[in-house]
Amino acid sequence: MNHLKTFGILLGATLSMTSVAQKHFTLGAYGEAVASRNFYSDHFNRYQFPEKYKDDPTHGRFDLPHIAVNMGYDFGHGWTMGMEIEFEHGGTESAVEVDADESGEYEAEVEKGGEVALEQFWIQKSFSKALNLRAGEIVVPVGQTNKYHMPTEFFTVYRPEGENSILPCTWHQTGVALWGRASDWRYELQFLSGLDSERFGASSFVHYGANSIYEFKIANSYAGAIRIDNYSVPGLRLSLSGYYGHTFSNTMRAHSAEKYKDCTGALAIGAFDFMLNRWGLIVRGNIDYAHLSDASLITTFNNSFPKHSSQDGSPSKRQPVGSNALDYAVEAGYDVLPLLTCKTRPDQKLYVFGRYEYYNPMESGDNKVTYEWCQKRVWTVGLNYYPTKEIVVKGEYSHRGFTSQYDPEPAINLGIAFSGWLL
């Protein structure tokens, strides 16, 4: 009897500890594995000399674009913590080995590319549903993809091209956010460091501006972001988001020349996006427009770096930067599974979808230099099969088009992904 009593006490304590852990600790993850066959040249000069590479063979790729682990903890009294660690393209692998062919010298080997990044780490104090204060590394919810970047939240195998090309994506920076929801409205206000104009480029616009090669993020200039969502109509979300900040002074390199005296690199971004999810139909759309002042001066400054980055460690791409960037897209998918069989679960779906997207990171430039190949139109058709709400199998055909002098870039992409909370 004493043994049974002891066992009961231990079992009760274990269940109690498990209950506490489940109440306070959350664990989630998402990930993607994809395969592509691209029916066009992958030579880096294919846009400069399109005729030369017109008949190049096709090429294929396998990839793990994003795999992330999310963790959260509820400390009680309104205090919570959240963090996300992301492995892009399978992470990064490097090693040091002793080379027998080099007299026993130590050699550093890069075994696999990719990135590992802490994309979120924040502490939050919740005063009410309508008032929450969050500080740390936070997601900047400008545009649709930054807010909804899980692989189960878009139809395409890869993240939507347009926003992923002209904006940081997933955009995360260290800052402070004030957010909440009241009735059918949700708002979020953020105070952040400005982007770094050294990292701007022709085909990427400000995409790399949130990154830092240092152990810290430069904050010589500050910026603000805002997002407002409305849910008044059942099944429909309407959203506006925006960003404003100076970018030119967020560098470690001095620029004392008189011509840069009044250069700010002011960046303004406005975005609208929506989603309708009703009647077996999902429709999503977005439009993003960005303006960068002093683009010509930023181009001149970035081009003044030495030609080889190994000489100065500069992250500059040394490319013309556009004054304006534009992206708009719409996609629609319909769940056809109820038409094919009556034996379905509520979480089992089969969407047939189509998508159209236009984007141009050099929509215009005050430096009188633009690249026509930066203007792209993408048509995509495909299928999304959800055996459960957390898992999706994707297949698609995409066609990326340009102006007449450039060859189109068709591709077939396949993928499998998951997103969900494990605890």
Protein backbone atom coordinates (compact mmCIF):
# COMPACT_ATOMS: atom_id res chain seq x y z
CA MET A 1 0.00 0.00 0.00
CA ASN A 2 2.89 2.35 0.81
CA HIS A 3 4.37 1.69 -2.64
CA LEU A 4 1.05 2.44 -4.29
CA LYS A 5 0.66 5.59 -2.24
CA THR A 6 4.18 6.75 -3.17
CA PHE A 7 3.52 5.99 -6.85
CA GLY A 8 0.26 7.96 -6.71
CA ILE A 9 2.00 10.98 -5.19
CA LEU A 10 4.76 10.89 -7.84
CA LEU A 11 2.22 10.47 -10.66
CA GLY A 12 0.15 13.37 -9.36
CA ALA A 13 3.22 15.58 -9.10
CA THR A 14 4.27 14.66 -12.65
CA LEU A 15 0.83 15.44 -14.06
CA SER A 16 0.76 18.70 -12.15
CA MET A 17 4.17 19.74 -13.52
CA THR A 18 3.09 18.78 -17.05
CA SER A 19 -0.07 20.85 -16.69
CA VAL A 20 1.94 23.87 -15.54
CA ALA A 21 4.41 23.46 -18.43
CA GLN A 22 1.61 23.21 -20.96
CA LYS A 23 -0.03 26.29 -19.48
CA HIS A 24 3.08 28.45 -19.55
CA PHE A 25 5.24 27.09 -22.40
CA THR A 26 4.35 26.99 -26.10
CA LEU A 27 6.32 25.39 -28.92
CA GLY A 28 5.61 25.78 -32.62
CA ALA A 29 7.37 25.35 -35.94
CA TYR A 30 7.04 25.73 -39.68
CA GLY A 31 9.10 24.50 -42.60
CA GLU A 32 9.24 23.98 -46.35
CA ALA A 33 10.94 21.50 -48.68
CA VAL A 34 10.77 22.32 -52.40
CA ALA A 35 11.93 21.11 -55.81
CA SER A 36 12.07 23.23 -58.96
CA ARG A 37 12.77 22.74 -62.65
CA ASN A 38 13.58 26.05 -64.32
CA PHE A 39 13.26 26.18 -68.10
CA TYR A 40 15.68 29.04 -68.64
CA SER A 41 19.34 29.92 -68.21
CA ASP A 42 20.65 30.49 -64.71
CA HIS A 43 23.75 32.39 -65.91
CA PHE A 44 24.29 35.63 -64.00
CA ASN A 45 24.74 37.54 -67.28
CA ARG A 46 21.51 36.36 -68.89
CA TYR A 47 19.93 39.82 -68.65
CA GLN A 48 22.98 41.65 -69.98
CA PHE A 49 23.33 39.33 -73.01
CA PRO A 50 19.94 37.62 -73.47
CA GLU A 51 20.66 36.33 -76.98
CA LYS A 52 23.85 34.59 -75.85
CA TYR A 53 22.09 32.48 -73.19
CA LYS A 54 18.74 32.01 -74.93
CA ASP A 55 19.31 28.31 -75.68
CA ASP A 56 21.00 27.30 -72.41
CA PRO A 57 19.80 23.98 -70.90
CA THR A 58 17.22 23.83 -68.15
CA HIS A 59 18.28 23.39 -64.55
CA GLY A 60 16.79 21.96 -61.37
CA ARG A 61 17.03 22.76 -57.69
CA PHE A 62 16.13 21.26 -54.34
CA ASP A 63 15.90 23.55 -51.35
CA LEU A 64 14.73 24.04 -47.78
CA PRO A 65 13.78 27.74 -48.00
CA HIS A 66 12.66 28.24 -44.41
CA ILE A 67 12.57 26.06 -41.31
CA ALA A 68 11.77 27.83 -38.06
CA VAL A 69 11.16 26.96 -34.41
CA ASN A 70 8.90 29.22 -32.32
CA MET A 71 8.89 29.26 -28.53
CA GLY A 72 6.88 31.24 -26.05
CA TYR A 73 6.45 31.45 -22.29
CA ASP A 74 3.77 33.00 -20.12
CA PHE A 75 5.27 34.31 -16.88
CA GLY A 76 1.92 35.40 -15.53
CA HIS A 77 0.60 38.84 -14.54
CA GLY A 78 0.48 39.84 -18.23
CA TRP A 79 4.17 39.18 -18.95
CA THR A 80 5.05 36.89 -21.88
CA MET A 81 8.08 36.08 -24.01
CA GLY A 82 8.34 34.91 -27.61
CA MET A 83 11.20 33.92 -29.89
CA GLU A 84 11.78 32.41 -33.32
CA ILE A 85 14.95 30.82 -34.70
CA GLU A 86 14.97 30.36 -38.46
CA PHE A 87 17.19 28.21 -40.66
CA GLU A 88 17.15 29.41 -44.27
CA HIS A 89 18.16 27.02 -47.06
CA GLY A 90 19.11 24.30 -44.61
CA GLY A 91 21.16 26.47 -42.29
CA THR A 92 24.91 26.99 -42.59
CA GLU A 93 27.64 24.44 -42.02
CA SER A 94 31.34 25.09 -41.63
CA ALA A 95 34.17 23.11 -40.12
CA VAL A 96 37.91 23.24 -39.43
CA GLU A 97 39.95 20.20 -40.42
CA VAL A 98 43.59 19.16 -40.65
CA ASP A 99 44.55 18.64 -44.30
CA ALA A 100 46.98 15.78 -44.86
CA ASP A 101 47.86 17.09 -48.34
CA GLU A 102 48.92 20.47 -46.95
CA SER A 103 51.49 19.37 -44.36
CA GLY A 104 48.90 19.11 -41.63
CA GLU A 105 47.64 22.67 -41.97
CA TYR A 106 44.31 23.69 -40.48
CA GLU A 107 41.74 24.56 -43.13
CA ALA A 108 38.32 26.13 -42.78
CA GLU A 109 35.73 24.43 -44.98
CA VAL A 110 32.30 25.71 -45.94
CA GLU A 111 30.22 22.56 -46.23
CA LYS A 112 26.80 24.06 -46.84
CA GLY A 113 25.37 27.50 -47.45
CA GLY A 114 22.35 29.10 -45.89
CA GLU A 115 21.60 31.29 -42.90
CA VAL A 116 20.69 30.91 -39.26
CA ALA A 117 18.95 33.90 -37.72
CA LEU A 118 17.15 34.87 -34.55
CA GLU A 119 14.13 36.44 -36.22
CA GLN A 120 12.12 37.18 -33.09
CA PHE A 121 12.90 37.68 -29.43
CA TRP A 122 10.61 39.90 -27.43
CA ILE A 123 9.18 40.54 -23.99
CA GLN A 124 5.55 41.69 -23.82
CA LYS A 125 3.38 43.25 -21.17
CA SER A 126 -0.36 42.90 -21.80
CA PHE A 127 -2.57 45.41 -20.02
CA SER A 128 -5.72 44.36 -21.87
CA LYS A 129 -6.77 42.89 -25.21
CA ALA A 130 -6.69 46.40 -26.64
CA LEU A 131 -3.32 47.44 -25.16
CA ASN A 132 -0.09 45.43 -25.36
CA LEU A 133 3.50 46.65 -25.21
CA ARG A 134 6.23 44.56 -26.87
CA ALA A 135 10.01 45.19 -27.02
CA GLY A 136 12.86 43.26 -28.63
CA GLU A 137 13.41 41.73 -32.07
CA ILE A 138 9.99 42.00 -33.68
CA VAL A 139 8.41 41.39 -37.07
CA VAL A 140 7.66 44.60 -39.00
CA PRO A 141 4.14 43.95 -40.39
CA VAL A 142 4.41 46.12 -43.53
CA GLY A 143 2.85 44.35 -46.51
CA GLN A 144 0.98 41.08 -46.65
CA THR A 145 3.90 38.64 -46.72
CA ASN A 146 5.65 40.06 -43.65
CA LYS A 147 2.47 39.70 -41.63
CA TYR A 148 1.45 36.33 -43.11
CA HIS A 149 4.68 34.50 -44.00
CA MET A 150 3.83 30.96 -42.88
CA PRO A 151 3.85 28.51 -45.84
CA THR A 152 0.19 27.66 -45.15
CA GLU A 153 -0.74 31.34 -45.62
CA PHE A 154 0.01 31.70 -49.35
CA PHE A 155 -0.63 29.45 -52.36
CA THR A 156 2.71 29.59 -54.18
CA VAL A 157 5.52 27.15 -53.45
CA TYR A 158 7.93 29.99 -52.72
CA ARG A 159 7.04 33.19 -50.89
CA PRO A 160 5.39 35.75 -53.19
CA GLU A 161 8.08 37.26 -55.41
CA GLY A 162 7.12 40.92 -55.41
CA GLU A 163 7.14 41.76 -51.72
CA ASN A 164 10.04 39.37 -51.19
CA SER A 165 12.02 41.37 -53.78
CA ILE A 166 11.39 45.00 -52.85
CA LEU A 167 10.89 44.77 -49.06
CA PRO A 168 12.86 43.06 -46.28
CA CYS A 169 11.16 39.67 -45.89
CA THR A 170 10.59 38.38 -43.31
CA TRP A 171 11.23 41.91 -42.04
CA HIS A 172 12.39 41.88 -38.43
CA GLN A 173 14.18 44.55 -36.43
CA THR A 174 14.88 45.48 -32.83
CA GLY A 175 12.33 47.97 -31.57
CA VAL A 176 9.22 48.65 -29.53
CA ALA A 177 5.62 47.90 -30.56
CA LEU A 178 2.27 48.98 -29.18
CA TRP A 179 -0.62 46.85 -30.41
CA GLY A 180 -4.09 45.68 -29.59
CA ARG A 181 -7.53 44.74 -30.85
CA ALA A 182 -10.87 46.38 -30.12
CA SER A 183 -14.08 45.11 -31.69
CA ASP A 184 -13.42 44.65 -35.43
CA TRP A 185 -10.17 46.61 -35.48
CA ARG A 186 -6.57 45.66 -34.80
CA TYR A 187 -3.70 48.17 -34.72
CA GLU A 188 0.07 48.07 -34.34
CA LEU A 189 2.54 50.96 -33.96
CA GLN A 190 6.30 50.39 -33.99
CA PHE A 191 9.44 52.42 -33.22
CA LEU A 192 12.55 51.03 -34.95
CA SER A 193 16.03 51.83 -36.19
CA GLY A 194 16.21 53.05 -39.78
CA LEU A 195 17.33 50.84 -42.66
CA ASP A 196 20.91 50.93 -44.02
CA SER A 197 21.09 52.40 -47.53
CA GLU A 198 24.51 50.79 -48.15
CA ARG A 199 22.68 47.51 -48.68
CA PHE A 200 20.17 48.78 -51.25
CA GLY A 201 20.39 47.44 -54.81
CA ALA A 202 18.92 47.50 -58.30
CA SER A 203 16.90 44.29 -58.27
CA SER A 204 16.42 44.18 -54.48
CA PHE A 205 15.58 47.84 -53.72
CA VAL A 206 15.62 47.98 -49.86
CA HIS A 207 15.29 44.21 -49.30
CA TYR A 208 18.66 43.85 -47.52
CA GLY A 209 18.48 47.17 -45.66
CA ALA A 210 17.36 45.63 -42.36
CA ASN A 211 20.40 43.34 -42.15
CA SER A 212 23.66 44.20 -40.41
CA ILE A 213 27.17 42.84 -40.88
CA TYR A 214 28.05 44.02 -37.37
CA GLU A 215 27.29 42.51 -33.98
CA PHE A 216 24.71 45.26 -33.59
CA LYS A 217 22.26 47.21 -35.74
CA ILE A 218 23.17 50.81 -36.42
CA ALA A 219 20.57 53.27 -35.15
CA ASN A 220 21.86 56.71 -36.12
CA SER A 221 18.38 57.39 -37.52
CA TYR A 222 15.03 56.04 -36.38
CA ALA A 223 11.88 54.93 -38.17
CA GLY A 224 8.25 54.14 -37.53
CA ALA A 225 5.84 51.51 -38.85
CA ILE A 226 2.07 51.14 -38.58
CA ARG A 227 -0.53 48.52 -39.47
CA ILE A 228 -4.33 48.63 -39.17
CA ASP A 229 -6.61 45.63 -39.85
CA ASN A 230 -10.38 45.61 -40.11
CA TYR A 231 -12.61 42.50 -39.76
CA SER A 232 -16.08 44.09 -39.96
CA VAL A 233 -17.28 41.82 -42.77
CA PRO A 234 -17.35 38.09 -41.88
CA GLY A 235 -14.55 36.24 -43.68
CA LEU A 236 -12.93 39.45 -44.96
CA ARG A 237 -9.81 41.22 -43.71
CA LEU A 238 -8.82 44.69 -45.00
CA SER A 239 -5.40 46.04 -44.04
CA LEU A 240 -3.32 49.20 -44.40
CA SER A 241 0.34 49.41 -43.40
CA GLY A 242 3.16 51.89 -43.77
CA TYR A 243 6.73 52.80 -42.90
CA TYR A 244 8.83 55.98 -42.78
CA GLY A 245 12.47 56.55 -41.84
CA HIS A 246 15.84 57.95 -42.92
CA THR A 247 18.38 55.48 -44.30
CA PHE A 248 21.52 57.29 -45.46
CA SER A 249 23.10 57.98 -42.06
CA ASN A 250 22.78 54.39 -40.81
CA THR A 251 26.34 53.51 -41.82
CA MET A 252 29.73 53.22 -40.13
CA ARG A 253 31.41 55.04 -43.03
CA ALA A 254 31.91 58.80 -42.76
CA HIS A 255 30.47 60.95 -45.57
CA SER A 256 31.81 64.45 -44.99
CA ALA A 257 31.63 65.61 -48.63
CA GLU A 258 29.53 68.72 -49.11
CA LYS A 259 27.24 67.04 -51.66
CA TYR A 260 26.02 64.57 -49.00
CA LYS A 261 25.32 67.28 -46.41
CA ASP A 262 21.54 67.28 -46.87
CA CYS A 263 21.17 63.66 -48.02
CA THR A 264 18.73 61.70 -45.83
CA GLY A 265 17.59 58.77 -47.97
CA ALA A 266 14.07 59.18 -46.60
CA LEU A 267 12.12 55.98 -47.26
CA ALA A 268 8.31 55.97 -47.31
CA ILE A 269 6.31 52.77 -47.91
CA GLY A 270 2.55 52.43 -48.21
CA ALA A 271 0.76 49.10 -48.54
CA PHE A 272 -2.77 47.73 -48.80
CA ASP A 273 -3.68 44.05 -48.60
CA PHE A 274 -6.79 41.95 -48.10
CA MET A 275 -8.00 38.39 -47.74
CA LEU A 276 -11.43 36.88 -48.32
CA ASN A 277 -11.93 33.40 -46.89
CA ARG A 278 -15.52 32.25 -47.38
CA TRP A 279 -17.71 29.83 -49.37
CA GLY A 280 -14.74 27.54 -50.06
CA LEU A 281 -12.96 30.46 -51.73
CA ILE A 282 -9.76 32.22 -50.70
CA VAL A 283 -8.82 35.47 -52.44
CA ARG A 284 -5.78 37.50 -51.46
CA GLY A 285 -4.38 40.69 -52.92
CA ASN A 286 -1.88 43.42 -52.18
CA ILE A 287 -0.33 46.60 -53.52
CA ASP A 288 2.90 48.14 -52.22
CA TYR A 289 4.46 51.43 -53.27
CA ALA A 290 7.72 52.82 -51.94
CA HIS A 291 9.60 56.07 -52.49
CA LEU A 292 13.28 56.65 -51.67
CA SER A 293 14.59 60.21 -51.71
CA ASP A 294 18.18 60.99 -52.75
CA ALA A 295 18.45 57.75 -54.74
CA SER A 296 21.00 59.33 -57.07
CA LEU A 297 23.27 60.40 -54.19
CA ILE A 298 22.93 56.99 -52.52
CA THR A 299 23.93 55.35 -55.81
CA THR A 300 26.98 57.63 -56.08
CA PHE A 301 27.97 57.00 -52.46
CA ASN A 302 27.63 53.21 -52.75
CA ASN A 303 29.57 53.16 -56.04
CA SER A 304 32.44 55.01 -54.36
CA PHE A 305 33.40 51.91 -52.38
CA PRO A 306 36.31 49.82 -53.70
CA LYS A 307 35.32 47.35 -56.41
CA HIS A 308 36.11 44.28 -54.28
CA SER A 309 34.38 44.09 -50.93
CA SER A 310 37.33 42.13 -49.46
CA GLN A 311 39.24 45.42 -49.45
CA ASP A 312 36.90 47.19 -47.07
CA GLY A 313 34.26 44.73 -45.88
CA SER A 314 31.52 46.91 -47.34
CA PRO A 315 28.08 45.36 -47.84
CA SER A 316 27.33 47.77 -50.71
CA LYS A 317 26.14 46.20 -53.96
CA ARG A 318 27.50 49.21 -55.91
CA GLN A 319 24.39 49.32 -58.09
CA PRO A 320 21.95 52.03 -59.15
CA VAL A 321 19.07 52.31 -56.69
CA GLY A 322 15.56 53.19 -57.81
CA SER A 323 13.62 56.16 -56.50
CA ASN A 324 10.34 54.24 -56.56
CA ALA A 325 9.36 50.59 -56.31
CA LEU A 326 5.98 49.02 -57.03
CA ASP A 327 4.39 45.63 -56.48
CA TYR A 328 0.82 44.43 -56.85
CA ALA A 329 -0.67 40.96 -56.90
CA VAL A 330 -3.89 38.98 -56.64
CA GLU A 331 -4.44 35.26 -56.12
CA ALA A 332 -7.57 33.16 -55.83
CA GLY A 333 -8.13 29.53 -54.93
CA TYR A 334 -11.25 27.37 -54.67
CA ASP A 335 -11.64 24.19 -52.64
CA VAL A 336 -12.76 21.58 -55.19
CA LEU A 337 -12.59 18.59 -52.84
CA PRO A 338 -16.32 18.68 -51.97
CA LEU A 339 -17.03 18.46 -55.71
CA LEU A 340 -14.90 15.32 -56.06
CA THR A 341 -15.99 13.35 -53.00
CA CYS A 342 -18.49 13.66 -50.18
CA LYS A 343 -16.17 11.90 -47.70
CA THR A 344 -14.07 14.81 -46.47
CA ARG A 345 -12.97 16.13 -43.10
CA PRO A 346 -13.44 19.84 -42.29
CA ASP A 347 -9.66 20.37 -42.24
CA GLN A 348 -9.04 18.54 -45.54
CA LYS A 349 -8.87 20.87 -48.56
CA LEU A 350 -7.85 20.86 -52.21
CA TYR A 351 -7.47 24.34 -53.67
CA VAL A 352 -7.08 25.02 -57.38
CA PHE A 353 -5.51 28.47 -57.61
CA GLY A 354 -4.24 31.13 -59.95
CA ARG A 355 -2.04 34.14 -59.24
CA TYR A 356 -0.87 37.24 -61.11
CA GLU A 357 1.88 39.53 -59.88
CA TYR A 358 3.68 42.61 -61.17
CA TYR A 359 6.73 44.08 -59.49
CA ASN A 360 9.53 46.49 -60.31
CA PRO A 361 12.18 47.59 -57.78
CA MET A 362 13.24 50.29 -60.28
CA GLU A 363 9.82 51.64 -61.23
CA SER A 364 11.55 55.00 -61.61
CA GLY A 365 14.85 56.58 -60.66
CA ASP A 366 16.17 60.09 -60.21
CA ASN A 367 19.61 58.79 -61.23
CA LYS A 368 18.40 58.32 -64.83
CA VAL A 369 19.53 54.68 -64.72
CA THR A 370 17.01 51.87 -64.77
CA TYR A 371 17.20 48.20 -65.71
CA GLU A 372 14.25 47.03 -67.81
CA TRP A 373 14.76 43.43 -66.68
CA CYS A 374 13.80 44.50 -63.15
CA GLN A 375 10.19 44.90 -64.39
CA LYS A 376 8.57 41.47 -64.08
CA ARG A 377 5.15 39.90 -64.48
CA VAL A 378 4.48 36.46 -63.04
CA TRP A 379 1.56 34.15 -63.83
CA THR A 380 1.12 31.06 -61.66
CA VAL A 381 -1.43 28.21 -61.63
CA GLY A 382 -1.40 25.22 -59.33
CA LEU A 383 -2.82 23.07 -56.55
CA ASN A 384 -2.66 23.16 -52.75
CA TYR A 385 -3.70 19.96 -50.95
CA TYR A 386 -4.24 20.11 -47.19
CA PRO A 387 -4.51 16.60 -45.67
CA THR A 388 -4.77 18.47 -42.35
CA LYS A 389 -4.84 22.19 -41.63
CA GLU A 390 -1.17 22.13 -40.57
CA ILE A 391 0.26 20.37 -43.67
CA VAL A 392 0.11 21.43 -47.31
CA VAL A 393 1.40 19.79 -50.49
CA LYS A 394 1.91 22.28 -53.34
CA GLY A 395 2.43 22.04 -57.08
CA GLU A 396 2.50 24.85 -59.64
CA TYR A 397 3.52 26.12 -63.03
CA SER A 398 4.84 29.70 -63.10
CA HIS A 399 5.74 31.98 -65.98
CA ARG A 400 7.88 35.05 -65.34
CA GLY A 401 7.73 37.55 -68.19
CA PHE A 402 9.68 40.67 -69.16
CA THR A 403 9.70 43.24 -71.91
CA SER A 404 10.23 41.74 -75.39
CA GLN A 405 14.05 41.71 -75.46
CA TYR A 406 14.33 39.27 -72.55
CA ASP A 407 13.49 35.59 -72.57
CA PRO A 408 10.57 34.43 -70.38
CA GLU A 409 11.34 32.25 -67.37
CA PRO A 410 8.87 29.37 -66.95
CA ALA A 411 9.25 26.89 -64.09
CA ILE A 412 7.58 23.92 -62.42
CA ASN A 413 7.74 23.94 -58.61
CA LEU A 414 6.74 21.29 -56.08
CA GLY A 415 6.72 21.60 -52.33
CA ILE A 416 5.56 20.24 -49.02
CA ALA A 417 5.25 22.39 -45.91
CA PHE A 418 3.82 22.48 -42.41
CA SER A 419 3.00 25.14 -39.87
CA GLY A 420 1.52 24.69 -36.43
CA TRP A 421 1.83 24.66 -32.66
CA LEU A 422 3.21 21.49 -31.12
CA LEU A 423 2.56 22.52 -27.51
